[in-house]
Amino acid sequence: MIEWYRVNADYRDVMNDFENLFIKILKDLDPKVDLREWIYQGQKYDLSLPWPRISVAEAFNKYCGIDTETLLDEKKLLEAGKSKGYKIDKSTNWEQMFLSNFSK
């Protein structure tokens, strides 16, 4: 995971920065890399620009099966985490459950 900030830039600028950085690294490692069919750990990816953009809510729905209503409600998010098998106790809060889902 990487995180950085740039003066006078918004999140879209930083997303573009990352795309360009990632592609630069790939091309430095392999100048003949095919960005339309890049293979990593047996999976094929299309890294040609522009990359798809989705919101956090869309990502949680697509990759975690958690809808926006559940994501924004601590009790519902904790219940969803419990049903997924995450360890939940009385001290578990929304942020911890958000990060548990986000990082898996």
C-alpha atoms as a PDB file:
ATOM      1  CA  MET A   1       0.000   0.000   0.000  1.00  0.00           C
ATOM      2  CA  ILE A   2       1.231   3.476  -0.766  1.00  0.00           C
ATOM      3  CA  GLU A   3      -0.119   6.843   0.256  1.00  0.00           C
ATOM      4  CA  TRP A   4       1.084  10.329  -0.529  1.00  0.00           C
ATOM      5  CA  TYR A   5      -0.187  13.853  -0.971  1.00  0.00           C
ATOM      6  CA  ARG A   6       0.639  16.671  -3.338  1.00  0.00           C
ATOM      7  CA  VAL A   7       0.117  20.398  -2.835  1.00  0.00           C
ATOM      8  CA  ASN A   8      -2.619  21.868  -5.045  1.00  0.00           C
ATOM      9  CA  ALA A   9      -3.751  18.407  -6.180  1.00  0.00           C
ATOM     10  CA  ASP A  10      -6.984  16.572  -5.555  1.00  0.00           C
ATOM     11  CA  TYR A  11      -7.589  12.829  -5.337  1.00  0.00           C
ATOM     12  CA  ARG A  12      -7.975  12.550  -9.119  1.00  0.00           C
ATOM     13  CA  ASP A  13      -4.517  14.041  -9.659  1.00  0.00           C
ATOM     14  CA  VAL A  14      -3.035  11.615  -7.135  1.00  0.00           C
ATOM     15  CA  MET A  15      -4.781   8.676  -8.861  1.00  0.00           C
ATOM     16  CA  ASN A  16      -3.213   9.774 -12.149  1.00  0.00           C
ATOM     17  CA  ASP A  17       0.165  10.105 -10.425  1.00  0.00           C
ATOM     18  CA  PHE A  18      -0.084   6.547  -9.154  1.00  0.00           C
ATOM     19  CA  GLU A  19      -1.099   5.138 -12.543  1.00  0.00           C
ATOM     20  CA  ASN A  20       1.872   6.818 -14.154  1.00  0.00           C
ATOM     21  CA  LEU A  21       4.254   5.734 -11.376  1.00  0.00           C
ATOM     22  CA  PHE A  22       3.101   2.110 -11.579  1.00  0.00           C
ATOM     23  CA  ILE A  23       3.427   2.009 -15.363  1.00  0.00           C
ATOM     24  CA  LYS A  24       6.859   3.655 -15.182  1.00  0.00           C
ATOM     25  CA  ILE A  25       8.041   0.981 -12.756  1.00  0.00           C
ATOM     26  CA  LEU A  26       6.692  -1.801 -14.988  1.00  0.00           C
ATOM     27  CA  LYS A  27       8.344  -0.329 -18.076  1.00  0.00           C
ATOM     28  CA  ASP A  28      11.644   0.154 -16.221  1.00  0.00           C
ATOM     29  CA  LEU A  29      11.540  -3.500 -15.184  1.00  0.00           C
ATOM     30  CA  ASP A  30      10.479  -4.726 -18.640  1.00  0.00           C
ATOM     31  CA  PRO A  31      10.629  -2.211 -21.519  1.00  0.00           C
ATOM     32  CA  LYS A  32       8.618  -4.631 -23.694  1.00  0.00           C
ATOM     33  CA  VAL A  33       5.773  -5.032 -21.208  1.00  0.00           C
ATOM     34  CA  ASP A  34       2.322  -5.291 -22.808  1.00  0.00           C
ATOM     35  CA  LEU A  35       0.078  -3.142 -20.631  1.00  0.00           C
ATOM     36  CA  ARG A  36      -3.042  -4.580 -22.281  1.00  0.00           C
ATOM     37  CA  GLU A  37      -2.153  -8.100 -21.130  1.00  0.00           C
ATOM     38  CA  TRP A  38       0.037  -7.820 -18.059  1.00  0.00           C
ATOM     39  CA  ILE A  39       0.197 -11.106 -16.137  1.00  0.00           C
ATOM     40  CA  TYR A  40       0.788 -11.168 -12.395  1.00  0.00           C
ATOM     41  CA  GLN A  41       0.523 -14.320 -10.275  1.00  0.00           C
ATOM     42  CA  GLY A  42      -1.269 -16.109 -13.086  1.00  0.00           C
ATOM     43  CA  GLN A  43      -3.917 -13.396 -13.530  1.00  0.00           C
ATOM     44  CA  LYS A  44      -4.166 -11.218 -16.629  1.00  0.00           C
ATOM     45  CA  TYR A  45      -4.746  -7.473 -16.210  1.00  0.00           C
ATOM     46  CA  ASP A  46      -5.382  -4.664 -18.685  1.00  0.00           C
ATOM     47  CA  LEU A  47      -3.334  -1.735 -17.385  1.00  0.00           C
ATOM     48  CA  SER A  48      -3.860   0.503 -20.388  1.00  0.00           C
ATOM     49  CA  LEU A  49      -4.972   3.991 -19.454  1.00  0.00           C
ATOM     50  CA  PRO A  50      -7.288   5.214 -18.161  1.00  0.00           C
ATOM     51  CA  TRP A  51      -7.854   2.758 -15.326  1.00  0.00           C
ATOM     52  CA  PRO A  52     -11.414   2.209 -14.091  1.00  0.00           C
ATOM     53  CA  ARG A  53     -12.569   4.484 -11.288  1.00  0.00           C
ATOM     54  CA  ILE A  54     -15.035   3.331  -8.649  1.00  0.00           C
ATOM     55  CA  SER A  55     -16.117   4.833  -5.357  1.00  0.00           C
ATOM     56  CA  VAL A  56     -15.446   3.287  -1.956  1.00  0.00           C
ATOM     57  CA  ALA A  57     -19.134   2.351  -1.745  1.00  0.00           C
ATOM     58  CA  GLU A  58     -18.967   0.648  -5.155  1.00  0.00           C
ATOM     59  CA  ALA A  59     -15.797  -1.223  -4.141  1.00  0.00           C
ATOM     60  CA  PHE A  60     -17.377  -2.490  -0.917  1.00  0.00           C
ATOM     61  CA  ASN A  61     -20.448  -3.623  -2.812  1.00  0.00           C
ATOM     62  CA  LYS A  62     -18.450  -5.319  -5.582  1.00  0.00           C
ATOM     63  CA  TYR A  63     -15.653  -6.912  -3.548  1.00  0.00           C
ATOM     64  CA  CYS A  64     -17.170  -7.368  -0.080  1.00  0.00           C
ATOM     65  CA  GLY A  65     -20.857  -7.754  -0.841  1.00  0.00           C
ATOM     66  CA  ILE A  66     -21.639  -4.849   1.498  1.00  0.00           C
ATOM     67  CA  ASP A  67     -24.135  -2.226   0.348  1.00  0.00           C
ATOM     68  CA  THR A  68     -23.940   1.474   1.179  1.00  0.00           C
ATOM     69  CA  GLU A  69     -26.672   1.339   3.833  1.00  0.00           C
ATOM     70  CA  THR A  70     -24.766  -1.394   5.690  1.00  0.00           C
ATOM     71  CA  LEU A  71     -21.419   0.327   5.222  1.00  0.00           C
ATOM     72  CA  LEU A  72     -22.655   3.563   6.800  1.00  0.00           C
ATOM     73  CA  ASP A  73     -24.373   1.927   9.789  1.00  0.00           C
ATOM     74  CA  GLU A  74     -22.007   0.687  12.520  1.00  0.00           C
ATOM     75  CA  LYS A  75     -24.398  -1.931  13.890  1.00  0.00           C
ATOM     76  CA  LYS A  76     -25.159  -3.326  10.427  1.00  0.00           C
ATOM     77  CA  LEU A  77     -21.490  -3.323   9.436  1.00  0.00           C
ATOM     78  CA  LEU A  78     -20.562  -5.218  12.603  1.00  0.00           C
ATOM     79  CA  GLU A  79     -23.335  -7.732  11.890  1.00  0.00           C
ATOM     80  CA  ALA A  80     -22.047  -8.156   8.329  1.00  0.00           C
ATOM     81  CA  GLY A  81     -18.531  -8.696   9.631  1.00  0.00           C
ATOM     82  CA  LYS A  82     -19.735 -11.266  12.119  1.00  0.00           C
ATOM     83  CA  SER A  83     -21.575 -13.152   9.374  1.00  0.00           C
ATOM     84  CA  LYS A  84     -18.321 -13.174   7.362  1.00  0.00           C
ATOM     85  CA  GLY A  85     -16.507 -14.762  10.294  1.00  0.00           C
ATOM     86  CA  TYR A  86     -14.577 -11.750  11.582  1.00  0.00           C
ATOM     87  CA  LYS A  87     -13.851 -11.776  15.301  1.00  0.00           C
ATOM     88  CA  ILE A  88     -16.124  -9.216  16.928  1.00  0.00           C
ATOM     89  CA  ASP A  89     -16.286  -8.270  20.579  1.00  0.00           C
ATOM     90  CA  LYS A  90     -17.750  -5.384  22.582  1.00  0.00           C
ATOM     91  CA  SER A  91     -14.805  -3.125  21.753  1.00  0.00           C
ATOM     92  CA  THR A  92     -14.986  -3.647  17.967  1.00  0.00           C
ATOM     93  CA  ASN A  93     -16.005  -0.413  16.267  1.00  0.00           C
ATOM     94  CA  TRP A  94     -16.977   0.759  12.784  1.00  0.00           C
ATOM     95  CA  GLU A  95     -13.435   1.757  11.806  1.00  0.00           C
ATOM     96  CA  GLN A  96     -11.989  -1.627  12.742  1.00  0.00           C
ATOM     97  CA  MET A  97     -14.682  -3.457  10.773  1.00  0.00           C
ATOM     98  CA  PHE A  98     -14.274  -1.121   7.795  1.00  0.00           C
ATOM     99  CA  LEU A  99     -10.516  -1.815   7.752  1.00  0.00           C
ATOM    100  CA  SER A 100     -11.023  -5.564   8.231  1.00  0.00           C
ATOM    101  CA  ASN A 101     -13.223  -5.684   5.139  1.00  0.00           C
ATOM    102  CA  PHE A 102     -11.069  -3.224   3.205  1.00  0.00           C
ATOM    103  CA  SER A 103      -7.839  -5.117   3.735  1.00  0.00           C
ATOM    104  CA  LYS A 104      -9.089  -8.613   2.917  1.00  0.00           C
END
